[in-house]
Amino acid sequence: MMSKQLNRIKVILAEKQLTNKWLADELHRDQTTVSRWVTNTCQPSFKTMIKIANALNVTLDDLARRDII
């Protein structure tokens, strides 16, 4: 069974040619935590999603997987 992709952080980072390390540094978070978000192993809180959206200069809608909205 494939794991569900609930966010598009990985896709957006790739589109913007940014790394997990860059996002971790921007949010003052551990790289391991960001890696878990990027691989959808766990999901960031709503408050953190807002911070991610701001750091990446995208909307929350952009971060969410389209077919679950």
PDB file of N, CA and C in Angstrom:
ATOM      1  N   MET A   1       0.842  -1.183   0.000  1.00  0.00           N
ATOM      2  CA  MET A   1       0.000   0.000   0.000  1.00  0.00           C
ATOM      3  C   MET A   1       0.887   1.247   0.000  1.00  0.00           C
ATOM      4  N   MET A   2       0.637   2.163  -0.897  1.00  0.00           N
ATOM      5  CA  MET A   2       1.426   3.382  -0.998  1.00  0.00           C
ATOM      6  C   MET A   2       0.986   4.373   0.069  1.00  0.00           C
ATOM      7  N   SER A   3       1.963   5.150   0.566  1.00  0.00           N
ATOM      8  CA  SER A   3       1.609   6.160   1.558  1.00  0.00           C
ATOM      9  C   SER A   3       0.950   7.350   0.867  1.00  0.00           C
ATOM     10  N   LYS A   4       0.079   7.994   1.595  1.00  0.00           N
ATOM     11  CA  LYS A   4      -0.640   9.152   1.060  1.00  0.00           C
ATOM     12  C   LYS A   4       0.262  10.377   1.076  1.00  0.00           C
ATOM     13  N   GLN A   5       0.249  11.108   0.001  1.00  0.00           N
ATOM     14  CA  GLN A   5       0.940  12.389  -0.049  1.00  0.00           C
ATOM     15  C   GLN A   5      -0.084  13.450   0.319  1.00  0.00           C
ATOM     16  N   LEU A   6       0.080  14.041   1.492  1.00  0.00           N
ATOM     17  CA  LEU A   6      -0.893  15.014   1.969  1.00  0.00           C
ATOM     18  C   LEU A   6      -0.459  16.451   1.730  1.00  0.00           C
ATOM     19  N   ASN A   7       0.827  16.650   1.493  1.00  0.00           N
ATOM     20  CA  ASN A   7       1.285  18.005   1.201  1.00  0.00           C
ATOM     21  C   ASN A   7       2.209  17.986  -0.006  1.00  0.00           C
ATOM     22  N   ARG A   8       2.453  19.162  -0.553  1.00  0.00           N
ATOM     23  CA  ARG A   8       3.264  19.295  -1.765  1.00  0.00           C
ATOM     24  C   ARG A   8       4.579  20.022  -1.487  1.00  0.00           C
ATOM     25  N   ILE A   9       5.061  19.944  -0.257  1.00  0.00           N
ATOM     26  CA  ILE A   9       6.286  20.656   0.096  1.00  0.00           C
ATOM     27  C   ILE A   9       7.440  20.219  -0.803  1.00  0.00           C
ATOM     28  N   LYS A  10       7.592  18.924  -0.998  1.00  0.00           N
ATOM     29  CA  LYS A  10       8.686  18.404  -1.827  1.00  0.00           C
ATOM     30  C   LYS A  10       8.617  18.964  -3.249  1.00  0.00           C
ATOM     31  N   VAL A  11       7.425  18.969  -3.817  1.00  0.00           N
ATOM     32  CA  VAL A  11       7.225  19.457  -5.184  1.00  0.00           C
ATOM     33  C   VAL A  11       7.584  20.938  -5.280  1.00  0.00           C
ATOM     34  N   ILE A  12       7.120  21.717  -4.316  1.00  0.00           N
ATOM     35  CA  ILE A  12       7.369  23.158  -4.356  1.00  0.00           C
ATOM     36  C   ILE A  12       8.849  23.464  -4.141  1.00  0.00           C
ATOM     37  N   LEU A  13       9.487  22.751  -3.220  1.00  0.00           N
ATOM     38  CA  LEU A  13      10.930  22.943  -3.036  1.00  0.00           C
ATOM     39  C   LEU A  13      11.671  22.664  -4.342  1.00  0.00           C
ATOM     40  N   ALA A  14      11.302  21.586  -5.019  1.00  0.00           N
ATOM     41  CA  ALA A  14      11.956  21.234  -6.287  1.00  0.00           C
ATOM     42  C   ALA A  14      11.705  22.303  -7.346  1.00  0.00           C
ATOM     43  N   GLU A  15      10.465  22.762  -7.442  1.00  0.00           N
ATOM     44  CA  GLU A  15      10.124  23.800  -8.424  1.00  0.00           C
ATOM     45  C   GLU A  15      10.933  25.074  -8.199  1.00  0.00           C
ATOM     46  N   LYS A  16      11.181  25.388  -6.937  1.00  0.00           N
ATOM     47  CA  LYS A  16      11.907  26.612  -6.602  1.00  0.00           C
ATOM     48  C   LYS A  16      13.409  26.363  -6.453  1.00  0.00           C
ATOM     49  N   GLN A  17      13.826  25.136  -6.714  1.00  0.00           N
ATOM     50  CA  GLN A  17      15.230  24.726  -6.609  1.00  0.00           C
ATOM     51  C   GLN A  17      15.798  25.039  -5.226  1.00  0.00           C
ATOM     52  N   LEU A  18      15.015  24.691  -4.204  1.00  0.00           N
ATOM     53  CA  LEU A  18      15.412  24.873  -2.818  1.00  0.00           C
ATOM     54  C   LEU A  18      15.567  23.505  -2.163  1.00  0.00           C
ATOM     55  N   THR A  19      16.268  23.467  -1.054  1.00  0.00           N
ATOM     56  CA  THR A  19      16.547  22.201  -0.377  1.00  0.00           C
ATOM     57  C   THR A  19      15.812  22.107   0.957  1.00  0.00           C
ATOM     58  N   ASN A  20      15.768  20.885   1.479  1.00  0.00           N
ATOM     59  CA  ASN A  20      15.221  20.669   2.819  1.00  0.00           C
ATOM     60  C   ASN A  20      16.012  21.488   3.835  1.00  0.00           C
ATOM     61  N   LYS A  21      17.335  21.526   3.657  1.00  0.00           N
ATOM     62  CA  LYS A  21      18.190  22.281   4.580  1.00  0.00           C
ATOM     63  C   LYS A  21      17.817  23.760   4.564  1.00  0.00           C
ATOM     64  N   TRP A  22      17.570  24.307   3.384  1.00  0.00           N
ATOM     65  CA  TRP A  22      17.178  25.713   3.289  1.00  0.00           C
ATOM     66  C   TRP A  22      15.902  25.953   4.095  1.00  0.00           C
ATOM     67  N   LEU A  23      14.905  25.085   3.908  1.00  0.00           N
ATOM     68  CA  LEU A  23      13.636  25.251   4.619  1.00  0.00           C
ATOM     69  C   LEU A  23      13.839  25.095   6.120  1.00  0.00           C
ATOM     70  N   ALA A  24      14.637  24.120   6.523  1.00  0.00           N
ATOM     71  CA  ALA A  24      14.926  23.923   7.944  1.00  0.00           C
ATOM     72  C   ALA A  24      15.569  25.174   8.540  1.00  0.00           C
ATOM     73  N   ASP A  25      16.520  25.750   7.823  1.00  0.00           N
ATOM     74  CA  ASP A  25      17.177  26.975   8.296  1.00  0.00           C
ATOM     75  C   ASP A  25      16.188  28.137   8.381  1.00  0.00           C
ATOM     76  N   GLU A  26      15.335  28.281   7.375  1.00  0.00           N
ATOM     77  CA  GLU A  26      14.344  29.365   7.359  1.00  0.00           C
ATOM     78  C   GLU A  26      13.380  29.271   8.540  1.00  0.00           C
ATOM     79  N   LEU A  27      13.006  28.042   8.889  1.00  0.00           N
ATOM     80  CA  LEU A  27      12.010  27.832   9.945  1.00  0.00           C
ATOM     81  C   LEU A  27      12.640  27.567  11.311  1.00  0.00           C
ATOM     82  N   HIS A  28      13.983  27.520  11.350  1.00  0.00           N
ATOM     83  CA  HIS A  28      14.695  27.200  12.593  1.00  0.00           C
ATOM     84  C   HIS A  28      14.230  25.850  13.142  1.00  0.00           C
ATOM     85  N   ARG A  29      14.158  24.880  12.242  1.00  0.00           N
ATOM     86  CA  ARG A  29      13.733  23.527  12.600  1.00  0.00           C
ATOM     87  C   ARG A  29      14.826  22.545  12.220  1.00  0.00           C
ATOM     88  N   ASP A  30      14.783  21.374  12.794  1.00  0.00           N
ATOM     89  CA  ASP A  30      15.739  20.316  12.500  1.00  0.00           C
ATOM     90  C   ASP A  30      15.516  19.789  11.085  1.00  0.00           C
ATOM     91  N   GLN A  31      16.601  19.465  10.396  1.00  0.00           N
ATOM     92  CA  GLN A  31      16.488  18.936   9.037  1.00  0.00           C
ATOM     93  C   GLN A  31      15.708  17.623   9.003  1.00  0.00           C
ATOM     94  N   THR A  32      15.822  16.827  10.048  1.00  0.00           N
ATOM     95  CA  THR A  32      15.092  15.562  10.113  1.00  0.00           C
ATOM     96  C   THR A  32      13.590  15.810  10.129  1.00  0.00           C
ATOM     97  N   THR A  33      13.165  16.811  10.863  1.00  0.00           N
ATOM     98  CA  THR A  33      11.744  17.157  10.920  1.00  0.00           C
ATOM     99  C   THR A  33      11.243  17.565   9.545  1.00  0.00           C
ATOM    100  N   VAL A  34      11.992  18.425   8.876  1.00  0.00           N
ATOM    101  CA  VAL A  34      11.602  18.872   7.537  1.00  0.00           C
ATOM    102  C   VAL A  34      11.564  17.686   6.581  1.00  0.00           C
ATOM    103  N   SER A  35      12.524  16.796   6.697  1.00  0.00           N
ATOM    104  CA  SER A  35      12.548  15.604   5.846  1.00  0.00           C
ATOM    105  C   SER A  35      11.280  14.774   6.031  1.00  0.00           C
ATOM    106  N   ARG A  36      10.817  14.655   7.250  1.00  0.00           N
ATOM    107  CA  ARG A  36       9.578  13.901   7.522  1.00  0.00           C
ATOM    108  C   ARG A  36       8.370  14.569   6.878  1.00  0.00           C
ATOM    109  N   TRP A  37       8.349  15.895   6.886  1.00  0.00           N
ATOM    110  CA  TRP A  37       7.250  16.617   6.220  1.00  0.00           C
ATOM    111  C   TRP A  37       7.309  16.401   4.717  1.00  0.00           C
ATOM    112  N   VAL A  38       8.517  16.520   4.162  1.00  0.00           N
ATOM    113  CA  VAL A  38       8.713  16.417   2.715  1.00  0.00           C
ATOM    114  C   VAL A  38       8.330  15.030   2.202  1.00  0.00           C
ATOM    115  N   THR A  39       8.614  14.006   2.990  1.00  0.00           N
ATOM    116  CA  THR A  39       8.286  12.635   2.586  1.00  0.00           C
ATOM    117  C   THR A  39       6.891  12.220   3.043  1.00  0.00           C
ATOM    118  N   ASN A  40       6.179  13.140   3.667  1.00  0.00           N
ATOM    119  CA  ASN A  40       4.826  12.879   4.172  1.00  0.00           C
ATOM    120  C   ASN A  40       4.791  11.771   5.219  1.00  0.00           C
ATOM    121  N   THR A  41       5.913  11.583   5.921  1.00  0.00           N
ATOM    122  CA  THR A  41       5.959  10.635   7.031  1.00  0.00           C
ATOM    123  C   THR A  41       5.127  11.171   8.187  1.00  0.00           C
ATOM    124  N   CYS A  42       5.190  12.478   8.372  1.00  0.00           N
ATOM    125  CA  CYS A  42       4.328  13.161   9.337  1.00  0.00           C
ATOM    126  C   CYS A  42       3.984  14.520   8.749  1.00  0.00           C
ATOM    127  N   GLN A  43       3.006  15.167   9.321  1.00  0.00           N
ATOM    128  CA  GLN A  43       2.529  16.437   8.781  1.00  0.00           C
ATOM    129  C   GLN A  43       2.803  17.567   9.773  1.00  0.00           C
ATOM    130  N   PRO A  44       3.192  18.726   9.250  1.00  0.00           N
ATOM    131  CA  PRO A  44       3.370  19.882  10.133  1.00  0.00           C
ATOM    132  C   PRO A  44       2.015  20.379  10.638  1.00  0.00           C
ATOM    133  N   SER A  45       2.062  21.084  11.751  1.00  0.00           N
ATOM    134  CA  SER A  45       0.834  21.687  12.279  1.00  0.00           C
ATOM    135  C   SER A  45       0.353  22.771  11.319  1.00  0.00           C
ATOM    136  N   PHE A  46      -0.883  23.193  11.506  1.00  0.00           N
ATOM    137  CA  PHE A  46      -1.436  24.252  10.659  1.00  0.00           C
ATOM    138  C   PHE A  46      -0.607  25.529  10.793  1.00  0.00           C
ATOM    139  N   LYS A  47      -0.221  25.850  12.019  1.00  0.00           N
ATOM    140  CA  LYS A  47       0.599  27.039  12.264  1.00  0.00           C
ATOM    141  C   LYS A  47       1.926  26.941  11.501  1.00  0.00           C
ATOM    142  N   THR A  48       2.525  25.762  11.507  1.00  0.00           N
ATOM    143  CA  THR A  48       3.784  25.559  10.787  1.00  0.00           C
ATOM    144  C   THR A  48       3.563  25.600   9.284  1.00  0.00           C
ATOM    145  N   MET A  49       2.432  25.085   8.817  1.00  0.00           N
ATOM    146  CA  MET A  49       2.127  25.156   7.380  1.00  0.00           C
ATOM    147  C   MET A  49       2.061  26.613   6.918  1.00  0.00           C
ATOM    148  N   ILE A  50       1.526  27.480   7.752  1.00  0.00           N
ATOM    149  CA  ILE A  50       1.486  28.908   7.417  1.00  0.00           C
ATOM    150  C   ILE A  50       2.910  29.448   7.289  1.00  0.00           C
ATOM    151  N   LYS A  51       3.773  29.066   8.220  1.00  0.00           N
ATOM    152  CA  LYS A  51       5.172  29.510   8.164  1.00  0.00           C
ATOM    153  C   LYS A  51       5.874  28.968   6.916  1.00  0.00           C
ATOM    154  N   ILE A  52       5.586  27.721   6.571  1.00  0.00           N
ATOM    155  CA  ILE A  52       6.173  27.116   5.367  1.00  0.00           C
ATOM    156  C   ILE A  52       5.704  27.872   4.131  1.00  0.00           C
ATOM    157  N   ALA A  53       4.415  28.135   4.066  1.00  0.00           N
ATOM    158  CA  ALA A  53       3.858  28.868   2.923  1.00  0.00           C
ATOM    159  C   ALA A  53       4.515  30.239   2.792  1.00  0.00           C
ATOM    160  N   ASN A  54       4.685  30.923   3.905  1.00  0.00           N
ATOM    161  CA  ASN A  54       5.327  32.241   3.880  1.00  0.00           C
ATOM    162  C   ASN A  54       6.778  32.141   3.424  1.00  0.00           C
ATOM    163  N   ALA A  55       7.502  31.162   3.935  1.00  0.00           N
ATOM    164  CA  ALA A  55       8.911  30.991   3.562  1.00  0.00           C
ATOM    165  C   ALA A  55       9.056  30.696   2.072  1.00  0.00           C
ATOM    166  N   LEU A  56       8.126  29.908   1.543  1.00  0.00           N
ATOM    167  CA  LEU A  56       8.187  29.517   0.132  1.00  0.00           C
ATOM    168  C   LEU A  56       7.463  30.502  -0.783  1.00  0.00           C
ATOM    169  N   ASN A  57       6.835  31.504  -0.183  1.00  0.00           N
ATOM    170  CA  ASN A  57       6.082  32.506  -0.941  1.00  0.00           C
ATOM    171  C   ASN A  57       4.986  31.856  -1.798  1.00  0.00           C
ATOM    172  N   VAL A  58       4.232  30.969  -1.153  1.00  0.00           N
ATOM    173  CA  VAL A  58       3.098  30.303  -1.798  1.00  0.00           C
ATOM    174  C   VAL A  58       1.905  30.373  -0.855  1.00  0.00           C
ATOM    175  N   THR A  59       0.742  29.978  -1.339  1.00  0.00           N
ATOM    176  CA  THR A  59      -0.453  29.948  -0.497  1.00  0.00           C
ATOM    177  C   THR A  59      -0.576  28.586   0.179  1.00  0.00           C
ATOM    178  N   LEU A  60      -1.405  28.530   1.204  1.00  0.00           N
ATOM    179  CA  LEU A  60      -1.695  27.238   1.833  1.00  0.00           C
ATOM    180  C   LEU A  60      -2.323  26.288   0.819  1.00  0.00           C
ATOM    181  N   ASP A  61      -3.125  26.839  -0.055  1.00  0.00           N
ATOM    182  CA  ASP A  61      -3.746  26.040  -1.110  1.00  0.00           C
ATOM    183  C   ASP A  61      -2.682  25.388  -1.995  1.00  0.00           C
ATOM    184  N   ASP A  62      -1.619  26.129  -2.291  1.00  0.00           N
ATOM    185  CA  ASP A  62      -0.525  25.576  -3.094  1.00  0.00           C
ATOM    186  C   ASP A  62       0.158  24.409  -2.385  1.00  0.00           C
ATOM    187  N   LEU A  63       0.244  24.484  -1.063  1.00  0.00           N
ATOM    188  CA  LEU A  63       0.917  23.439  -0.289  1.00  0.00           C
ATOM    189  C   LEU A  63       0.089  22.171  -0.147  1.00  0.00           C
ATOM    190  N   ALA A  64      -1.223  22.317  -0.196  1.00  0.00           N
ATOM    191  CA  ALA A  64      -2.103  21.166   0.002  1.00  0.00           C
ATOM    192  C   ALA A  64      -2.228  20.361  -1.281  1.00  0.00           C
ATOM    193  N   ARG A  65      -2.349  19.080  -1.112  1.00  0.00           N
ATOM    194  CA  ARG A  65      -2.562  18.219  -2.271  1.00  0.00           C
ATOM    195  C   ARG A  65      -3.904  18.552  -2.888  1.00  0.00           C
ATOM    196  N   ARG A  66      -3.939  18.760  -4.160  1.00  0.00           N
ATOM    197  CA  ARG A  66      -5.123  19.269  -4.862  1.00  0.00           C
ATOM    198  C   ARG A  66      -6.370  18.386  -4.728  1.00  0.00           C
ATOM    199  N   ASP A  67      -6.198  17.084  -4.771  1.00  0.00           N
ATOM    200  CA  ASP A  67      -7.383  16.225  -4.790  1.00  0.00           C
ATOM    201  C   ASP A  67      -7.986  15.967  -3.414  1.00  0.00           C
ATOM    202  N   ILE A  68      -7.426  16.570  -2.357  1.00  0.00           N
ATOM    203  CA  ILE A  68      -8.040  16.398  -1.038  1.00  0.00           C
ATOM    204  C   ILE A  68      -8.677  17.683  -0.537  1.00  0.00           C
ATOM    205  N   ILE A  69      -8.599  18.734  -1.341  1.00  0.00           N
ATOM    206  CA  ILE A  69      -9.196  20.020  -0.940  1.00  0.00           C
ATOM    207  C   ILE A  69     -10.681  19.995  -1.234  1.00  0.00           C
TER     208      ILE A  69
END
